[in-house]
PDB file of N, CA and C in Angstrom:
ATOM      1  N   MET A   1      11.773 -25.464 -56.200  1.00  0.00           N
ATOM      2  CA  MET A   1      10.343 -25.635 -56.021  1.00  0.00           C
ATOM      3  C   MET A   1       9.950 -24.877 -54.764  1.00  0.00           C
ATOM      4  N   VAL A   2       8.947 -24.032 -54.876  1.00  0.00           N
ATOM      5  CA  VAL A   2       8.398 -23.331 -53.723  1.00  0.00           C
ATOM      6  C   VAL A   2       6.889 -23.496 -53.782  1.00  0.00           C
ATOM      7  N   ALA A   3       6.322 -23.946 -52.707  1.00  0.00           N
ATOM      8  CA  ALA A   3       4.871 -24.095 -52.649  1.00  0.00           C
ATOM      9  C   ALA A   3       4.351 -23.338 -51.446  1.00  0.00           C
ATOM     10  N   CYS A   4       3.282 -22.602 -51.630  1.00  0.00           N
ATOM     11  CA  CYS A   4       2.671 -21.850 -50.539  1.00  0.00           C
ATOM     12  C   CYS A   4       1.361 -22.512 -50.160  1.00  0.00           C
ATOM     13  N   GLU A   5       1.244 -22.860 -48.914  1.00  0.00           N
ATOM     14  CA  GLU A   5       0.027 -23.466 -48.406  1.00  0.00           C
ATOM     15  C   GLU A   5      -0.725 -22.400 -47.628  1.00  0.00           C
ATOM     16  N   ARG A   6      -1.777 -21.851 -48.221  1.00  0.00           N
ATOM     17  CA  ARG A   6      -2.473 -20.709 -47.624  1.00  0.00           C
ATOM     18  C   ARG A   6      -2.958 -20.959 -46.200  1.00  0.00           C
ATOM     19  N   ASP A   7      -3.586 -22.100 -45.965  1.00  0.00           N
ATOM     20  CA  ASP A   7      -4.184 -22.336 -44.657  1.00  0.00           C
ATOM     21  C   ASP A   7      -3.150 -22.413 -43.548  1.00  0.00           C
ATOM     22  N   SER A   8      -2.034 -23.076 -43.810  1.00  0.00           N
ATOM     23  CA  SER A   8      -1.038 -23.244 -42.755  1.00  0.00           C
ATOM     24  C   SER A   8       0.009 -22.134 -42.761  1.00  0.00           C
ATOM     25  N   ARG A   9      -0.056 -21.221 -43.760  1.00  0.00           N
ATOM     26  CA  ARG A   9       0.872 -20.107 -43.856  1.00  0.00           C
ATOM     27  C   ARG A   9       2.327 -20.581 -43.865  1.00  0.00           C
ATOM     28  N   THR A  10       2.599 -21.515 -44.779  1.00  0.00           N
ATOM     29  CA  THR A  10       3.951 -22.038 -44.898  1.00  0.00           C
ATOM     30  C   THR A  10       4.387 -22.054 -46.357  1.00  0.00           C
ATOM     31  N   TRP A  11       5.695 -22.076 -46.540  1.00  0.00           N
ATOM     32  CA  TRP A  11       6.293 -22.302 -47.848  1.00  0.00           C
ATOM     33  C   TRP A  11       7.160 -23.534 -47.691  1.00  0.00           C
ATOM     34  N   THR A  12       7.119 -24.411 -48.649  1.00  0.00           N
ATOM     35  CA  THR A  12       8.001 -25.567 -48.651  1.00  0.00           C
ATOM     36  C   THR A  12       8.956 -25.400 -49.818  1.00  0.00           C
ATOM     37  N   VAL A  13      10.243 -25.453 -49.517  1.00  0.00           N
ATOM     38  CA  VAL A  13      11.254 -25.229 -50.542  1.00  0.00           C
ATOM     39  C   VAL A  13      12.209 -26.414 -50.602  1.00  0.00           C
ATOM     40  N   ALA A  14      12.718 -26.658 -51.804  1.00  0.00           N
ATOM     41  CA  ALA A  14      13.666 -27.746 -52.031  1.00  0.00           C
ATOM     42  C   ALA A  14      15.024 -27.155 -52.370  1.00  0.00           C
ATOM     43  N   SER A  15      16.062 -27.760 -51.844  1.00  0.00           N
ATOM     44  CA  SER A  15      17.419 -27.327 -52.166  1.00  0.00           C
ATOM     45  C   SER A  15      17.960 -28.202 -53.290  1.00  0.00           C
ATOM     46  N   GLY A  16      17.807 -27.717 -54.517  1.00  0.00           N
ATOM     47  CA  GLY A  16      18.265 -28.469 -55.682  1.00  0.00           C
ATOM     48  C   GLY A  16      19.764 -28.730 -55.676  1.00  0.00           C
ATOM     49  N   PHE A  17      20.533 -27.869 -55.026  1.00  0.00           N
ATOM     50  CA  PHE A  17      21.979 -28.072 -54.917  1.00  0.00           C
ATOM     51  C   PHE A  17      22.350 -28.863 -53.664  1.00  0.00           C
ATOM     52  N   GLY A  18      21.346 -29.318 -52.912  1.00  0.00           N
ATOM     53  CA  GLY A  18      21.605 -30.130 -51.731  1.00  0.00           C
ATOM     54  C   GLY A  18      22.032 -29.312 -50.526  1.00  0.00           C
ATOM     55  N   PRO A  19      22.516 -29.989 -49.481  1.00  0.00           N
ATOM     56  CA  PRO A  19      22.919 -29.311 -48.242  1.00  0.00           C
ATOM     57  C   PRO A  19      24.037 -28.287 -48.393  1.00  0.00           C
ATOM     58  N   PRO A  20      24.920 -28.375 -49.414  1.00  0.00           N
ATOM     59  CA  PRO A  20      25.965 -27.351 -49.525  1.00  0.00           C
ATOM     60  C   PRO A  20      25.465 -25.970 -49.965  1.00  0.00           C
ATOM     61  N   ALA A  21      24.224 -25.858 -50.429  1.00  0.00           N
ATOM     62  CA  ALA A  21      23.715 -24.562 -50.888  1.00  0.00           C
ATOM     63  C   ALA A  21      23.823 -23.533 -49.763  1.00  0.00           C
ATOM     64  N   ASP A  22      24.280 -22.335 -50.113  1.00  0.00           N
ATOM     65  CA  ASP A  22      24.488 -21.290 -49.105  1.00  0.00           C
ATOM     66  C   ASP A  22      23.229 -21.003 -48.305  1.00  0.00           C
ATOM     67  N   TRP A  23      22.081 -20.830 -48.971  1.00  0.00           N
ATOM     68  CA  TRP A  23      20.852 -20.485 -48.251  1.00  0.00           C
ATOM     69  C   TRP A  23      20.451 -21.608 -47.290  1.00  0.00           C
ATOM     70  N   TYR A  24      20.683 -22.854 -47.687  1.00  0.00           N
ATOM     71  CA  TYR A  24      20.339 -23.997 -46.839  1.00  0.00           C
ATOM     72  C   TYR A  24      21.236 -24.019 -45.593  1.00  0.00           C
ATOM     73  N   ARG A  25      22.529 -23.818 -45.810  1.00  0.00           N
ATOM     74  CA  ARG A  25      23.461 -23.775 -44.670  1.00  0.00           C
ATOM     75  C   ARG A  25      23.135 -22.615 -43.745  1.00  0.00           C
ATOM     76  N   ASN A  26      22.783 -21.451 -44.323  1.00  0.00           N
ATOM     77  CA  ASN A  26      22.421 -20.300 -43.493  1.00  0.00           C
ATOM     78  C   ASN A  26      21.200 -20.604 -42.627  1.00  0.00           C
ATOM     79  N   LEU A  27      20.200 -21.267 -43.209  1.00  0.00           N
ATOM     80  CA  LEU A  27      19.017 -21.625 -42.418  1.00  0.00           C
ATOM     81  C   LEU A  27      19.353 -22.639 -41.333  1.00  0.00           C
ATOM     82  N   ARG A  28      20.266 -23.552 -41.623  1.00  0.00           N
ATOM     83  CA  ARG A  28      20.693 -24.526 -40.600  1.00  0.00           C
ATOM     84  C   ARG A  28      21.304 -23.794 -39.399  1.00  0.00           C
ATOM     85  N   GLU A  29      22.095 -22.759 -39.686  1.00  0.00           N
ATOM     86  CA  GLU A  29      22.742 -22.009 -38.610  1.00  0.00           C
ATOM     87  C   GLU A  29      21.791 -21.064 -37.899  1.00  0.00           C
ATOM     88  N   GLN A  30      20.832 -20.526 -38.639  1.00  0.00           N
ATOM     89  CA  GLN A  30      19.881 -19.576 -38.057  1.00  0.00           C
ATOM     90  C   GLN A  30      18.485 -19.839 -38.633  1.00  0.00           C
ATOM     91  N   PRO A  31      17.739 -20.780 -38.015  1.00  0.00           N
ATOM     92  CA  PRO A  31      16.431 -21.159 -38.558  1.00  0.00           C
ATOM     93  C   PRO A  31      15.363 -20.073 -38.456  1.00  0.00           C
ATOM     94  N   LYS A  32      15.553 -19.101 -37.588  1.00  0.00           N
ATOM     95  CA  LYS A  32      14.608 -17.970 -37.518  1.00  0.00           C
ATOM     96  C   LYS A  32      15.216 -16.825 -38.313  1.00  0.00           C
ATOM     97  N   THR A  33      14.496 -16.420 -39.369  1.00  0.00           N
ATOM     98  CA  THR A  33      15.033 -15.390 -40.260  1.00  0.00           C
ATOM     99  C   THR A  33      13.895 -14.622 -40.918  1.00  0.00           C
ATOM    100  N   VAL A  34      14.253 -13.672 -41.777  1.00  0.00           N
ATOM    101  CA  VAL A  34      13.255 -12.841 -42.448  1.00  0.00           C
ATOM    102  C   VAL A  34      13.576 -12.798 -43.949  1.00  0.00           C
ATOM    103  N   PRO A  35      13.096 -13.796 -44.725  1.00  0.00           N
ATOM    104  CA  PRO A  35      13.323 -13.761 -46.170  1.00  0.00           C
ATOM    105  C   PRO A  35      12.363 -12.804 -46.867  1.00  0.00           C
ATOM    106  N   GLN A  36      12.698 -12.495 -48.100  1.00  0.00           N
ATOM    107  CA  GLN A  36      11.851 -11.622 -48.910  1.00  0.00           C
ATOM    108  C   GLN A  36      11.198 -12.460 -50.005  1.00  0.00           C
ATOM    109  N   PHE A  37       9.870 -12.381 -50.112  1.00  0.00           N
ATOM    110  CA  PHE A  37       9.093 -13.001 -51.181  1.00  0.00           C
ATOM    111  C   PHE A  37       8.470 -11.859 -51.961  1.00  0.00           C
ATOM    112  N   GLY A  38       8.872 -11.697 -53.214  1.00  0.00           N
ATOM    113  CA  GLY A  38       8.401 -10.537 -53.965  1.00  0.00           C
ATOM    114  C   GLY A  38       8.971  -9.289 -53.314  1.00  0.00           C
ATOM    115  N   ASN A  39       8.099  -8.349 -52.986  1.00  0.00           N
ATOM    116  CA  ASN A  39       8.576  -7.134 -52.322  1.00  0.00           C
ATOM    117  C   ASN A  39       8.199  -7.110 -50.844  1.00  0.00           C
ATOM    118  N   ARG A  40       7.833  -8.245 -50.279  1.00  0.00           N
ATOM    119  CA  ARG A  40       7.446  -8.331 -48.869  1.00  0.00           C
ATOM    120  C   ARG A  40       8.413  -9.213 -48.075  1.00  0.00           C
ATOM    121  N   HIS A  41       8.632  -8.831 -46.839  1.00  0.00           N
ATOM    122  CA  HIS A  41       9.464  -9.601 -45.922  1.00  0.00           C
ATOM    123  C   HIS A  41       8.555 -10.358 -44.955  1.00  0.00           C
ATOM    124  N   HIS A  42       8.998 -11.565 -44.561  1.00  0.00           N
ATOM    125  CA  HIS A  42       8.200 -12.401 -43.665  1.00  0.00           C
ATOM    126  C   HIS A  42       9.111 -13.041 -42.626  1.00  0.00           C
ATOM    127  N   ALA A  43       8.755 -12.898 -41.367  1.00  0.00           N
ATOM    128  CA  ALA A  43       9.485 -13.600 -40.320  1.00  0.00           C
ATOM    129  C   ALA A  43       9.084 -15.070 -40.392  1.00  0.00           C
ATOM    130  N   VAL A  44      10.073 -15.950 -40.487  1.00  0.00           N
ATOM    131  CA  VAL A  44       9.799 -17.380 -40.606  1.00  0.00           C
ATOM    132  C   VAL A  44      10.688 -18.168 -39.666  1.00  0.00           C
ATOM    133  N   THR A  45      10.264 -19.395 -39.438  1.00  0.00           N
ATOM    134  CA  THR A  45      11.080 -20.379 -38.749  1.00  0.00           C
ATOM    135  C   THR A  45      11.225 -21.571 -39.686  1.00  0.00           C
ATOM    136  N   ALA A  46      12.453 -21.992 -39.931  1.00  0.00           N
ATOM    137  CA  ALA A  46      12.728 -23.112 -40.827  1.00  0.00           C
ATOM    138  C   ALA A  46      12.591 -24.431 -40.078  1.00  0.00           C
ATOM    139  N   ARG A  47      11.861 -25.358 -40.688  1.00  0.00           N
ATOM    140  CA  ARG A  47      11.723 -26.731 -40.175  1.00  0.00           C
ATOM    141  C   ARG A  47      12.268 -27.652 -41.258  1.00  0.00           C
ATOM    142  N   PHE A  48      13.278 -28.416 -40.936  1.00  0.00           N
ATOM    143  CA  PHE A  48      13.929 -29.291 -41.901  1.00  0.00           C
ATOM    144  C   PHE A  48      13.201 -30.627 -41.910  1.00  0.00           C
ATOM    145  N   LEU A  49      12.730 -31.007 -43.097  1.00  0.00           N
ATOM    146  CA  LEU A  49      11.899 -32.196 -43.215  1.00  0.00           C
ATOM    147  C   LEU A  49      12.737 -33.460 -43.320  1.00  0.00           C
ATOM    148  N   ALA A  50      12.192 -34.533 -42.784  1.00  0.00           N
ATOM    149  CA  ALA A  50      12.835 -35.847 -42.860  1.00  0.00           C
ATOM    150  C   ALA A  50      12.780 -36.351 -44.298  1.00  0.00           C
ATOM    151  N   PRO A  51      13.717 -37.210 -44.691  1.00  0.00           N
ATOM    152  CA  PRO A  51      13.720 -37.740 -46.056  1.00  0.00           C
ATOM    153  C   PRO A  51      12.391 -38.380 -46.462  1.00  0.00           C
ATOM    154  N   GLU A  52      11.735 -39.067 -45.566  1.00  0.00           N
ATOM    155  CA  GLU A  52      10.455 -39.702 -45.915  1.00  0.00           C
ATOM    156  C   GLU A  52       9.379 -38.653 -46.186  1.00  0.00           C
ATOM    157  N   ASP A  53       9.420 -37.530 -45.470  1.00  0.00           N
ATOM    158  CA  ASP A  53       8.484 -36.428 -45.759  1.00  0.00           C
ATOM    159  C   ASP A  53       8.778 -35.837 -47.140  1.00  0.00           C
ATOM    160  N   GLY A  54      10.063 -35.723 -47.479  1.00  0.00           N
ATOM    161  CA  GLY A  54      10.450 -35.245 -48.805  1.00  0.00           C
ATOM    162  C   GLY A  54       9.967 -36.194 -49.893  1.00  0.00           C
ATOM    163  N   ALA A  55      10.028 -37.491 -49.619  1.00  0.00           N
ATOM    164  CA  ALA A  55       9.547 -38.483 -50.587  1.00  0.00           C
ATOM    165  C   ALA A  55       8.058 -38.294 -50.857  1.00  0.00           C
ATOM    166  N   ALA A  56       7.280 -38.089 -49.808  1.00  0.00           N
ATOM    167  CA  ALA A  56       5.834 -37.877 -49.968  1.00  0.00           C
ATOM    168  C   ALA A  56       5.551 -36.579 -50.725  1.00  0.00           C
ATOM    169  N   LEU A  57       6.319 -35.526 -50.424  1.00  0.00           N
ATOM    170  CA  LEU A  57       6.144 -34.248 -51.123  1.00  0.00           C
ATOM    171  C   LEU A  57       6.440 -34.390 -52.615  1.00  0.00           C
ATOM    172  N   MET A  58       7.549 -35.047 -52.953  1.00  0.00           N
ATOM    173  CA  MET A  58       7.904 -35.200 -54.365  1.00  0.00           C
ATOM    174  C   MET A  58       6.904 -36.077 -55.097  1.00  0.00           C
ATOM    175  N   GLU A  59       6.367 -37.065 -54.425  1.00  0.00           N
ATOM    176  CA  GLU A  59       5.361 -37.914 -55.060  1.00  0.00           C
ATOM    177  C   GLU A  59       4.139 -37.074 -55.458  1.00  0.00           C
ATOM    178  N   LYS A  60       3.661 -36.244 -54.524  1.00  0.00           N
ATOM    179  CA  LYS A  60       2.509 -35.378 -54.809  1.00  0.00           C
ATOM    180  C   LYS A  60       2.865 -34.338 -55.863  1.00  0.00           C
ATOM    181  N   TYR A  61       4.028 -33.723 -55.724  1.00  0.00           N
ATOM    182  CA  TYR A  61       4.452 -32.690 -56.667  1.00  0.00           C
ATOM    183  C   TYR A  61       4.605 -33.279 -58.071  1.00  0.00           C
ATOM    184  N   GLY A  62       5.216 -34.465 -58.149  1.00  0.00           N
ATOM    185  CA  GLY A  62       5.416 -35.120 -59.440  1.00  0.00           C
ATOM    186  C   GLY A  62       4.103 -35.454 -60.125  1.00  0.00           C
ATOM    187  N   ALA A  63       3.094 -35.807 -59.349  1.00  0.00           N
ATOM    188  CA  ALA A  63       1.785 -36.109 -59.925  1.00  0.00           C
ATOM    189  C   ALA A  63       1.121 -34.841 -60.465  1.00  0.00           C
ATOM    190  N   ARG A  64       1.277 -33.721 -59.766  1.00  0.00           N
ATOM    191  CA  ARG A  64       0.650 -32.453 -60.182  1.00  0.00           C
ATOM    192  C   ARG A  64       1.444 -31.730 -61.267  1.00  0.00           C
ATOM    193  N   HIS A  65       2.767 -31.841 -61.189  1.00  0.00           N
ATOM    194  CA  HIS A  65       3.651 -31.083 -62.092  1.00  0.00           C
ATOM    195  C   HIS A  65       4.739 -32.007 -62.644  1.00  0.00           C
ATOM    196  N   PRO A  66       4.394 -32.968 -63.494  1.00  0.00           N
ATOM    197  CA  PRO A  66       5.392 -33.960 -63.929  1.00  0.00           C
ATOM    198  C   PRO A  66       6.608 -33.364 -64.634  1.00  0.00           C
ATOM    199  N   ARG A  67       6.406 -32.398 -65.506  1.00  0.00           N
ATOM    200  CA  ARG A  67       7.552 -31.812 -66.221  1.00  0.00           C
ATOM    201  C   ARG A  67       8.466 -31.061 -65.269  1.00  0.00           C
ATOM    202  N   ALA A  68       7.883 -30.273 -64.379  1.00  0.00           N
ATOM    203  CA  ALA A  68       8.698 -29.516 -63.418  1.00  0.00           C
ATOM    204  C   ALA A  68       9.454 -30.467 -62.489  1.00  0.00           C
ATOM    205  N   ALA A  69       8.813 -31.553 -62.081  1.00  0.00           N
ATOM    206  CA  ALA A  69       9.468 -32.534 -61.202  1.00  0.00           C
ATOM    207  C   ALA A  69      10.649 -33.180 -61.920  1.00  0.00           C
ATOM    208  N   ARG A  70      10.473 -33.517 -63.187  1.00  0.00           N
ATOM    209  CA  ARG A  70      11.589 -34.104 -63.946  1.00  0.00           C
ATOM    210  C   ARG A  70      12.727 -33.101 -64.096  1.00  0.00           C
ATOM    211  N   ARG A  71      12.397 -31.818 -64.313  1.00  0.00           N
ATOM    212  CA  ARG A  71      13.434 -30.788 -64.418  1.00  0.00           C
ATOM    213  C   ARG A  71      14.190 -30.626 -63.102  1.00  0.00           C
ATOM    214  N   LEU A  72      13.449 -30.650 -61.979  1.00  0.00           N
ATOM    215  CA  LEU A  72      14.099 -30.543 -60.671  1.00  0.00           C
ATOM    216  C   LEU A  72      15.059 -31.710 -60.473  1.00  0.00           C
ATOM    217  N   CYS A  73      14.620 -32.906 -60.831  1.00  0.00           N
ATOM    218  CA  CYS A  73      15.489 -34.083 -60.708  1.00  0.00           C
ATOM    219  C   CYS A  73      16.724 -33.945 -61.588  1.00  0.00           C
ATOM    220  N   ALA A  74      16.538 -33.496 -62.825  1.00  0.00           N
ATOM    221  CA  ALA A  74      17.676 -33.310 -63.730  1.00  0.00           C
ATOM    222  C   ALA A  74      18.631 -32.259 -63.177  1.00  0.00           C
ATOM    223  N   PHE A  75      18.074 -31.177 -62.640  1.00  0.00           N
ATOM    224  CA  PHE A  75      18.876 -30.113 -62.056  1.00  0.00           C
ATOM    225  C   PHE A  75      19.711 -30.645 -60.888  1.00  0.00           C
ATOM    226  N   ALA A  76      19.095 -31.516 -60.085  1.00  0.00           N
ATOM    227  CA  ALA A  76      19.777 -32.087 -58.921  1.00  0.00           C
ATOM    228  C   ALA A  76      20.622 -33.309 -59.304  1.00  0.00           C
ATOM    229  N   ARG A  77      20.669 -33.600 -60.615  1.00  0.00           N
ATOM    230  CA  ARG A  77      21.423 -34.753 -61.135  1.00  0.00           C
ATOM    231  C   ARG A  77      20.929 -36.071 -60.556  1.00  0.00           C
ATOM    232  N   LEU A  78      19.604 -36.189 -60.491  1.00  0.00           N
ATOM    233  CA  LEU A  78      18.971 -37.413 -60.018  1.00  0.00           C
ATOM    234  C   LEU A  78      18.179 -38.022 -61.172  1.00  0.00           C
ATOM    235  N   PRO A  79      18.184 -39.339 -61.292  1.00  0.00           N
ATOM    236  CA  PRO A  79      17.410 -39.961 -62.370  1.00  0.00           C
ATOM    237  C   PRO A  79      15.915 -39.817 -62.110  1.00  0.00           C
ATOM    238  N   SER A  80      15.167 -39.604 -63.185  1.00  0.00           N
ATOM    239  CA  SER A  80      13.716 -39.530 -63.051  1.00  0.00           C
ATOM    240  C   SER A  80      13.071 -39.969 -64.353  1.00  0.00           C
ATOM    241  N   ASP A  81      12.250 -40.980 -64.262  1.00  0.00           N
ATOM    242  CA  ASP A  81      11.506 -41.449 -65.426  1.00  0.00           C
ATOM    243  C   ASP A  81      10.031 -41.078 -65.297  1.00  0.00           C
ATOM    244  N   GLY A  82       9.716 -40.244 -64.296  1.00  0.00           N
ATOM    245  CA  GLY A  82       8.334 -39.833 -64.085  1.00  0.00           C
ATOM    246  C   GLY A  82       7.531 -40.789 -63.228  1.00  0.00           C
ATOM    247  N   SER A  83       8.141 -41.873 -62.789  1.00  0.00           N
ATOM    248  CA  SER A  83       7.417 -42.857 -61.973  1.00  0.00           C
ATOM    249  C   SER A  83       7.327 -42.401 -60.519  1.00  0.00           C
ATOM    250  N   VAL A  84       6.385 -42.987 -59.808  1.00  0.00           N
ATOM    251  CA  VAL A  84       6.235 -42.691 -58.376  1.00  0.00           C
ATOM    252  C   VAL A  84       7.505 -43.094 -57.629  1.00  0.00           C
ATOM    253  N   THR A  85       8.066 -44.236 -57.993  1.00  0.00           N
ATOM    254  CA  THR A  85       9.285 -44.711 -57.326  1.00  0.00           C
ATOM    255  C   THR A  85      10.422 -43.716 -57.503  1.00  0.00           C
ATOM    256  N   ALA A  86      10.606 -43.217 -58.726  1.00  0.00           N
ATOM    257  CA  ALA A  86      11.677 -42.247 -58.979  1.00  0.00           C
ATOM    258  C   ALA A  86      11.417 -40.941 -58.235  1.00  0.00           C
ATOM    259  N   SER A  87      10.161 -40.502 -58.198  1.00  0.00           N
ATOM    260  CA  SER A  87       9.822 -39.271 -57.468  1.00  0.00           C
ATOM    261  C   SER A  87      10.122 -39.421 -55.989  1.00  0.00           C
ATOM    262  N   ARG A  88       9.735 -40.551 -55.416  1.00  0.00           N
ATOM    263  CA  ARG A  88       9.980 -40.774 -53.984  1.00  0.00           C
ATOM    264  C   ARG A  88      11.479 -40.862 -53.698  1.00  0.00           C
ATOM    265  N   ARG A  89      12.229 -41.498 -54.579  1.00  0.00           N
ATOM    266  CA  ARG A  89      13.683 -41.602 -54.406  1.00  0.00           C
ATOM    267  C   ARG A  89      14.306 -40.212 -54.438  1.00  0.00           C
ATOM    268  N   ALA A  90      13.869 -39.393 -55.392  1.00  0.00           N
ATOM    269  CA  ALA A  90      14.396 -38.024 -55.490  1.00  0.00           C
ATOM    270  C   ALA A  90      14.036 -37.226 -54.242  1.00  0.00           C
ATOM    271  N   GLY A  91      12.808 -37.383 -53.745  1.00  0.00           N
ATOM    272  CA  GLY A  91      12.368 -36.664 -52.551  1.00  0.00           C
ATOM    273  C   GLY A  91      13.164 -37.014 -51.316  1.00  0.00           C
ATOM    274  N   ARG A  92      13.670 -38.235 -51.266  1.00  0.00           N
ATOM    275  CA  ARG A  92      14.528 -38.629 -50.138  1.00  0.00           C
ATOM    276  C   ARG A  92      15.911 -38.004 -50.249  1.00  0.00           C
ATOM    277  N   ALA A  93      16.352 -37.755 -51.490  1.00  0.00           N
ATOM    278  CA  ALA A  93      17.703 -37.223 -51.713  1.00  0.00           C
ATOM    279  C   ALA A  93      17.769 -35.699 -51.651  1.00  0.00           C
ATOM    280  N   ILE A  94      16.685 -35.035 -52.037  1.00  0.00           N
ATOM    281  CA  ILE A  94      16.663 -33.570 -52.070  1.00  0.00           C
ATOM    282  C   ILE A  94      16.236 -33.045 -50.699  1.00  0.00           C
ATOM    283  N   PRO A  95      17.016 -32.164 -50.081  1.00  0.00           N
ATOM    284  CA  PRO A  95      16.606 -31.616 -48.786  1.00  0.00           C
ATOM    285  C   PRO A  95      15.425 -30.639 -48.949  1.00  0.00           C
ATOM    286  N   PHE A  96      14.412 -30.812 -48.127  1.00  0.00           N
ATOM    287  CA  PHE A  96      13.250 -29.929 -48.121  1.00  0.00           C
ATOM    288  C   PHE A  96      13.194 -29.168 -46.805  1.00  0.00           C
ATOM    289  N   VAL A  97      12.766 -27.918 -46.905  1.00  0.00           N
ATOM    290  CA  VAL A  97      12.636 -27.069 -45.724  1.00  0.00           C
ATOM    291  C   VAL A  97      11.246 -26.450 -45.751  1.00  0.00           C
ATOM    292  N   ARG A  98      10.579 -26.478 -44.625  1.00  0.00           N
ATOM    293  CA  ARG A  98       9.283 -25.806 -44.495  1.00  0.00           C
ATOM    294  C   ARG A  98       9.522 -24.515 -43.731  1.00  0.00           C
ATOM    295  N   LEU A  99       9.145 -23.395 -44.353  1.00  0.00           N
ATOM    296  CA  LEU A  99       9.262 -22.082 -43.723  1.00  0.00           C
ATOM    297  C   LEU A  99       7.895 -21.701 -43.185  1.00  0.00           C
ATOM    298  N   GLU A 100       7.794 -21.547 -41.888  1.00  0.00           N
ATOM    299  CA  GLU A 100       6.521 -21.251 -41.237  1.00  0.00           C
ATOM    300  C   GLU A 100       6.463 -19.774 -40.871  1.00  0.00           C
ATOM    301  N   SER A 101       5.359 -19.133 -41.280  1.00  0.00           N
ATOM    302  CA  SER A 101       5.201 -17.696 -41.081  1.00  0.00           C
ATOM    303  C   SER A 101       3.775 -17.385 -40.669  1.00  0.00           C
ATOM    304  N   GLY A 102       3.562 -16.131 -40.324  1.00  0.00           N
ATOM    305  CA  GLY A 102       2.214 -15.685 -39.988  1.00  0.00           C
ATOM    306  C   GLY A 102       1.410 -15.250 -41.192  1.00  0.00           C
ATOM    307  N   SER A 103       2.056 -15.111 -42.383  1.00  0.00           N
ATOM    308  CA  SER A 103       1.324 -14.679 -43.567  1.00  0.00           C
ATOM    309  C   SER A 103       1.925 -15.303 -44.808  1.00  0.00           C
ATOM    310  N   CYS A 104       1.131 -15.353 -45.863  1.00  0.00           N
ATOM    311  CA  CYS A 104       1.540 -15.937 -47.124  1.00  0.00           C
ATOM    312  C   CYS A 104       1.518 -14.843 -48.198  1.00  0.00           C
ATOM    313  N   PRO A 105       2.566 -14.673 -49.008  1.00  0.00           N
ATOM    314  CA  PRO A 105       2.608 -13.561 -49.951  1.00  0.00           C
ATOM    315  C   PRO A 105       1.479 -13.590 -50.981  1.00  0.00           C
ATOM    316  N   ARG A 106       1.032 -14.764 -51.430  1.00  0.00           N
ATOM    317  CA  ARG A 106      -0.062 -14.801 -52.398  1.00  0.00           C
ATOM    318  C   ARG A 106      -1.344 -14.276 -51.788  1.00  0.00           C
ATOM    319  N   GLU A 107      -1.552 -14.593 -50.523  1.00  0.00           N
ATOM    320  CA  GLU A 107      -2.759 -14.127 -49.843  1.00  0.00           C
ATOM    321  C   GLU A 107      -2.744 -12.605 -49.749  1.00  0.00           C
ATOM    322  N   GLU A 108      -1.574 -12.048 -49.440  1.00  0.00           N
ATOM    323  CA  GLU A 108      -1.451 -10.591 -49.342  1.00  0.00           C
ATOM    324  C   GLU A 108      -1.637  -9.967 -50.719  1.00  0.00           C
ATOM    325  N   ALA A 109      -1.121 -10.594 -51.765  1.00  0.00           N
ATOM    326  CA  ALA A 109      -1.277 -10.062 -53.106  1.00  0.00           C
ATOM    327  C   ALA A 109      -2.744 -10.103 -53.530  1.00  0.00           C
ATOM    328  N   ASP A 110      -3.467 -11.147 -53.113  1.00  0.00           N
ATOM    329  CA  ASP A 110      -4.894 -11.249 -53.441  1.00  0.00           C
ATOM    330  C   ASP A 110      -5.686 -10.098 -52.830  1.00  0.00           C
ATOM    331  N   ARG A 111      -5.230  -9.605 -51.685  1.00  0.00           N
ATOM    332  CA  ARG A 111      -5.949  -8.516 -51.008  1.00  0.00           C
ATOM    333  C   ARG A 111      -5.704  -7.172 -51.678  1.00  0.00           C
ATOM    334  N   SER A 112      -4.604  -7.059 -52.433  1.00  0.00           N
ATOM    335  CA  SER A 112      -4.240  -5.773 -53.057  1.00  0.00           C
ATOM    336  C   SER A 112      -5.178  -5.420 -54.189  1.00  0.00           C
TER     337      SER A 112
END
């Protein structure tokens, strides 16, 4: 799951494979990096969210995108019946990272 918040110029990403995922471990070791979104590079700083913040994110995401939220839970091998309780439980278990940058790729694409 990747969400771009235009006003705050951030991306919030979930590690479906949990903390062992290579990209997640790399960000833990070096939170300031330059990932590529589409064909553009962005200098970002990774902020690792607390489990309760992840719970709130999954609750909102599950309400907006129920099928995608259930797929993310299945991918992460977490139970999900589509309920708020299950979404919040999954959000506590899935590590979330907020990437903060000076620009958002969708905004740049809109200008093209």
